Amino acid sequence: MALVVVAEDDGDIREIMERVLRRAGHTVVAAGDGAAGLAAVRERRPDLVVSDIDMPVMSGIEMTLALRGDPATEDLPVLFVSGSVAPGDPGPAAVEGTSVLFKPFLPAELTAAVDQALHAGRAAGPG
């Protein structure tokens, strides 16, 4: 399966995402904020990033901007998982996020969104 970096500042949600993705067969590297997520991406070269948007130190939007600015990661798919962004919010699309999964989510919704993002690649559009 895929190597996935999960950047989420809420420890409970991060743990749930890790568990769900591991059960789906993915290898997961967890990070507690966008800066740690960016470092994990640069170190591990994942197939996908799953990121919250509002996080301390560096937001998911800022992290994705940094990824898009680096030729080594500019095409890396980023699935945003957020409870604070409204449907239609231009932020995720502006940084060419692959898609957005809204919190709260069911485990099956997370795995389906990850599978879709892995197959779609960069900037498939929100949803």
C-alpha atoms as a PDB file:
ATOM      1  CA  MET A   1       0.000   0.000   0.000  1.00  0.00           C
ATOM      2  CA  ALA A   2       1.092   3.622   0.471  1.00  0.00           C
ATOM      3  CA  LEU A   3       3.339   5.610   2.781  1.00  0.00           C
ATOM      4  CA  VAL A   4       1.171   8.378   4.283  1.00  0.00           C
ATOM      5  CA  VAL A   5       2.231  11.354   6.402  1.00  0.00           C
ATOM      6  CA  VAL A   6      -0.576  12.458   8.736  1.00  0.00           C
ATOM      7  CA  ALA A   7      -0.275  16.013  10.112  1.00  0.00           C
ATOM      8  CA  GLU A   8      -2.878  16.622  12.822  1.00  0.00           C
ATOM      9  CA  ASP A   9      -2.514  18.616  16.047  1.00  0.00           C
ATOM     10  CA  ASP A  10      -5.361  16.874  17.924  1.00  0.00           C
ATOM     11  CA  GLY A  11      -3.789  13.756  19.418  1.00  0.00           C
ATOM     12  CA  ASP A  12      -7.041  11.782  19.581  1.00  0.00           C
ATOM     13  CA  ILE A  13      -7.925  12.462  15.947  1.00  0.00           C
ATOM     14  CA  ARG A  14      -4.336  11.786  14.857  1.00  0.00           C
ATOM     15  CA  GLU A  15      -4.410   8.426  16.661  1.00  0.00           C
ATOM     16  CA  ILE A  16      -7.718   7.486  15.034  1.00  0.00           C
ATOM     17  CA  MET A  17      -6.428   8.407  11.578  1.00  0.00           C
ATOM     18  CA  GLU A  18      -3.237   6.409  12.170  1.00  0.00           C
ATOM     19  CA  ARG A  19      -5.168   3.358  13.318  1.00  0.00           C
ATOM     20  CA  VAL A  20      -7.680   3.481  10.446  1.00  0.00           C
ATOM     21  CA  LEU A  21      -4.989   3.930   7.808  1.00  0.00           C
ATOM     22  CA  ARG A  22      -2.767   1.195   9.237  1.00  0.00           C
ATOM     23  CA  ARG A  23      -5.711  -1.216   9.277  1.00  0.00           C
ATOM     24  CA  ALA A  24      -6.234  -0.333   5.616  1.00  0.00           C
ATOM     25  CA  GLY A  25      -2.661  -1.478   4.957  1.00  0.00           C
ATOM     26  CA  HIS A  26      -0.852   1.854   4.773  1.00  0.00           C
ATOM     27  CA  THR A  27       2.383   2.799   6.503  1.00  0.00           C
ATOM     28  CA  VAL A  28       1.765   5.961   8.549  1.00  0.00           C
ATOM     29  CA  VAL A  29       4.160   8.631   9.792  1.00  0.00           C
ATOM     30  CA  ALA A  30       2.404  10.963  12.244  1.00  0.00           C
ATOM     31  CA  ALA A  31       3.191  14.620  12.921  1.00  0.00           C
ATOM     32  CA  GLY A  32       1.626  17.017  15.430  1.00  0.00           C
ATOM     33  CA  ASP A  33       1.738  20.157  13.286  1.00  0.00           C
ATOM     34  CA  GLY A  34       2.495  21.383   9.785  1.00  0.00           C
ATOM     35  CA  ALA A  35       6.192  22.009  10.421  1.00  0.00           C
ATOM     36  CA  ALA A  36       6.693  18.461  11.702  1.00  0.00           C
ATOM     37  CA  GLY A  37       4.624  17.201   8.774  1.00  0.00           C
ATOM     38  CA  LEU A  38       6.815  19.082   6.297  1.00  0.00           C
ATOM     39  CA  ALA A  39       9.954  17.644   7.920  1.00  0.00           C
ATOM     40  CA  ALA A  40       8.475  14.131   7.736  1.00  0.00           C
ATOM     41  CA  VAL A  41       7.653  14.589   4.047  1.00  0.00           C
ATOM     42  CA  ARG A  42      11.170  15.761   3.253  1.00  0.00           C
ATOM     43  CA  GLU A  43      12.683  12.861   5.205  1.00  0.00           C
ATOM     44  CA  ARG A  44      10.378  10.020   4.148  1.00  0.00           C
ATOM     45  CA  ARG A  45       9.076  10.966   0.650  1.00  0.00           C
ATOM     46  CA  PRO A  46       5.511   9.682   1.166  1.00  0.00           C
ATOM     47  CA  ASP A  47       2.893   8.861  -1.446  1.00  0.00           C
ATOM     48  CA  LEU A  48       0.312  11.116   0.225  1.00  0.00           C
ATOM     49  CA  VAL A  49      -0.095  13.733   2.938  1.00  0.00           C
ATOM     50  CA  VAL A  50      -3.256  13.831   5.057  1.00  0.00           C
ATOM     51  CA  SER A  51      -3.366  17.156   6.873  1.00  0.00           C
ATOM     52  CA  ASP A  52      -5.537  19.212   9.155  1.00  0.00           C
ATOM     53  CA  ILE A  53      -5.745  22.848   8.072  1.00  0.00           C
ATOM     54  CA  ASP A  54      -5.678  24.782  11.363  1.00  0.00           C
ATOM     55  CA  MET A  55      -2.584  23.731  13.326  1.00  0.00           C
ATOM     56  CA  PRO A  56       0.001  25.485  15.484  1.00  0.00           C
ATOM     57  CA  VAL A  57       3.498  26.346  14.243  1.00  0.00           C
ATOM     58  CA  MET A  58       2.557  25.860  10.562  1.00  0.00           C
ATOM     59  CA  SER A  59      -0.927  25.382   9.141  1.00  0.00           C
ATOM     60  CA  GLY A  60      -1.801  22.723   6.604  1.00  0.00           C
ATOM     61  CA  ILE A  61      -2.179  25.469   3.992  1.00  0.00           C
ATOM     62  CA  GLU A  62       1.310  26.826   4.760  1.00  0.00           C
ATOM     63  CA  MET A  63       2.766  23.314   4.686  1.00  0.00           C
ATOM     64  CA  THR A  64       1.154  22.646   1.309  1.00  0.00           C
ATOM     65  CA  LEU A  65       2.485  25.930  -0.067  1.00  0.00           C
ATOM     66  CA  ALA A  66       5.980  24.804   0.961  1.00  0.00           C
ATOM     67  CA  LEU A  67       5.405  21.426  -0.715  1.00  0.00           C
ATOM     68  CA  ARG A  68       4.210  23.089  -3.922  1.00  0.00           C
ATOM     69  CA  GLY A  69       7.293  25.322  -3.929  1.00  0.00           C
ATOM     70  CA  ASP A  70       9.716  22.372  -3.914  1.00  0.00           C
ATOM     71  CA  PRO A  71      10.219  20.496  -7.206  1.00  0.00           C
ATOM     72  CA  ALA A  72      10.689  17.247  -5.267  1.00  0.00           C
ATOM     73  CA  THR A  73       7.213  17.503  -3.674  1.00  0.00           C
ATOM     74  CA  GLU A  74       5.250  19.837  -5.939  1.00  0.00           C
ATOM     75  CA  ASP A  75       3.032  17.024  -7.256  1.00  0.00           C
ATOM     76  CA  LEU A  76       2.515  15.241  -3.929  1.00  0.00           C
ATOM     77  CA  PRO A  77      -1.213  14.725  -3.277  1.00  0.00           C
ATOM     78  CA  VAL A  78      -2.535  16.432  -0.133  1.00  0.00           C
ATOM     79  CA  LEU A  79      -5.839  15.408   1.422  1.00  0.00           C
ATOM     80  CA  PHE A  80      -7.074  18.046   3.843  1.00  0.00           C
ATOM     81  CA  VAL A  81      -9.138  16.832   6.814  1.00  0.00           C
ATOM     82  CA  SER A  82     -10.764  19.752   8.579  1.00  0.00           C
ATOM     83  CA  GLY A  83     -13.588  20.714  10.866  1.00  0.00           C
ATOM     84  CA  SER A  84     -13.041  24.429  10.483  1.00  0.00           C
ATOM     85  CA  VAL A  85     -13.125  25.023   6.740  1.00  0.00           C
ATOM     86  CA  ALA A  86     -16.523  25.506   5.131  1.00  0.00           C
ATOM     87  CA  PRO A  87     -17.491  23.691   1.939  1.00  0.00           C
ATOM     88  CA  GLY A  88     -16.409  25.852  -0.975  1.00  0.00           C
ATOM     89  CA  ASP A  89     -13.676  27.630   1.027  1.00  0.00           C
ATOM     90  CA  PRO A  90     -11.056  28.719  -1.539  1.00  0.00           C
ATOM     91  CA  GLY A  91      -8.034  27.991   0.704  1.00  0.00           C
ATOM     92  CA  PRO A  92      -7.526  24.287  -0.107  1.00  0.00           C
ATOM     93  CA  ALA A  93      -8.010  24.817  -3.849  1.00  0.00           C
ATOM     94  CA  ALA A  94      -5.735  27.876  -3.864  1.00  0.00           C
ATOM     95  CA  VAL A  95      -2.800  25.718  -2.736  1.00  0.00           C
ATOM     96  CA  GLU A  96      -3.835  22.898  -5.081  1.00  0.00           C
ATOM     97  CA  GLY A  97      -4.983  20.524  -2.376  1.00  0.00           C
ATOM     98  CA  THR A  98      -6.173  17.238  -3.823  1.00  0.00           C
ATOM     99  CA  SER A  99      -9.414  17.099  -1.843  1.00  0.00           C
ATOM    100  CA  VAL A 100     -11.064  17.908   1.490  1.00  0.00           C
ATOM    101  CA  LEU A 101     -12.653  15.516   3.970  1.00  0.00           C
ATOM    102  CA  PHE A 102     -14.804  17.247   6.554  1.00  0.00           C
ATOM    103  CA  LYS A 103     -14.734  16.341  10.262  1.00  0.00           C
ATOM    104  CA  PRO A 104     -16.341  14.462  11.788  1.00  0.00           C
ATOM    105  CA  PHE A 105     -15.776  11.540   9.424  1.00  0.00           C
ATOM    106  CA  LEU A 106     -16.367   7.808   9.523  1.00  0.00           C
ATOM    107  CA  PRO A 107     -13.399   5.437   9.153  1.00  0.00           C
ATOM    108  CA  ALA A 108     -14.742   4.247   5.785  1.00  0.00           C
ATOM    109  CA  GLU A 109     -14.926   7.865   4.591  1.00  0.00           C
ATOM    110  CA  LEU A 110     -11.279   8.411   5.514  1.00  0.00           C
ATOM    111  CA  THR A 111     -10.076   5.286   3.725  1.00  0.00           C
ATOM    112  CA  ALA A 112     -12.177   6.107   0.653  1.00  0.00           C
ATOM    113  CA  ALA A 113     -10.832   9.684   0.565  1.00  0.00           C
ATOM    114  CA  VAL A 114      -7.250   8.415   0.916  1.00  0.00           C
ATOM    115  CA  ASP A 115      -7.736   5.877  -1.888  1.00  0.00           C
ATOM    116  CA  GLN A 116      -9.275   8.561  -4.095  1.00  0.00           C
ATOM    117  CA  ALA A 117      -6.466  11.043  -3.366  1.00  0.00           C
ATOM    118  CA  LEU A 118      -3.801   8.421  -4.094  1.00  0.00           C
ATOM    119  CA  HIS A 119      -5.363   7.743  -7.482  1.00  0.00           C
ATOM    120  CA  ALA A 120      -6.227  11.351  -8.316  1.00  0.00           C
ATOM    121  CA  GLY A 121      -2.898  12.979  -7.520  1.00  0.00           C
ATOM    122  CA  ARG A 122      -2.518  16.709  -7.085  1.00  0.00           C
ATOM    123  CA  ALA A 123      -5.363  19.204  -7.301  1.00  0.00           C
ATOM    124  CA  ALA A 124      -8.254  16.949  -8.238  1.00  0.00           C
ATOM    125  CA  GLY A 125     -10.566  19.442  -6.567  1.00  0.00           C
ATOM    126  CA  PRO A 126     -12.390  19.593  -3.258  1.00  0.00           C
ATOM    127  CA  GLY A 127     -14.788  16.924  -2.162  1.00  0.00           C
END
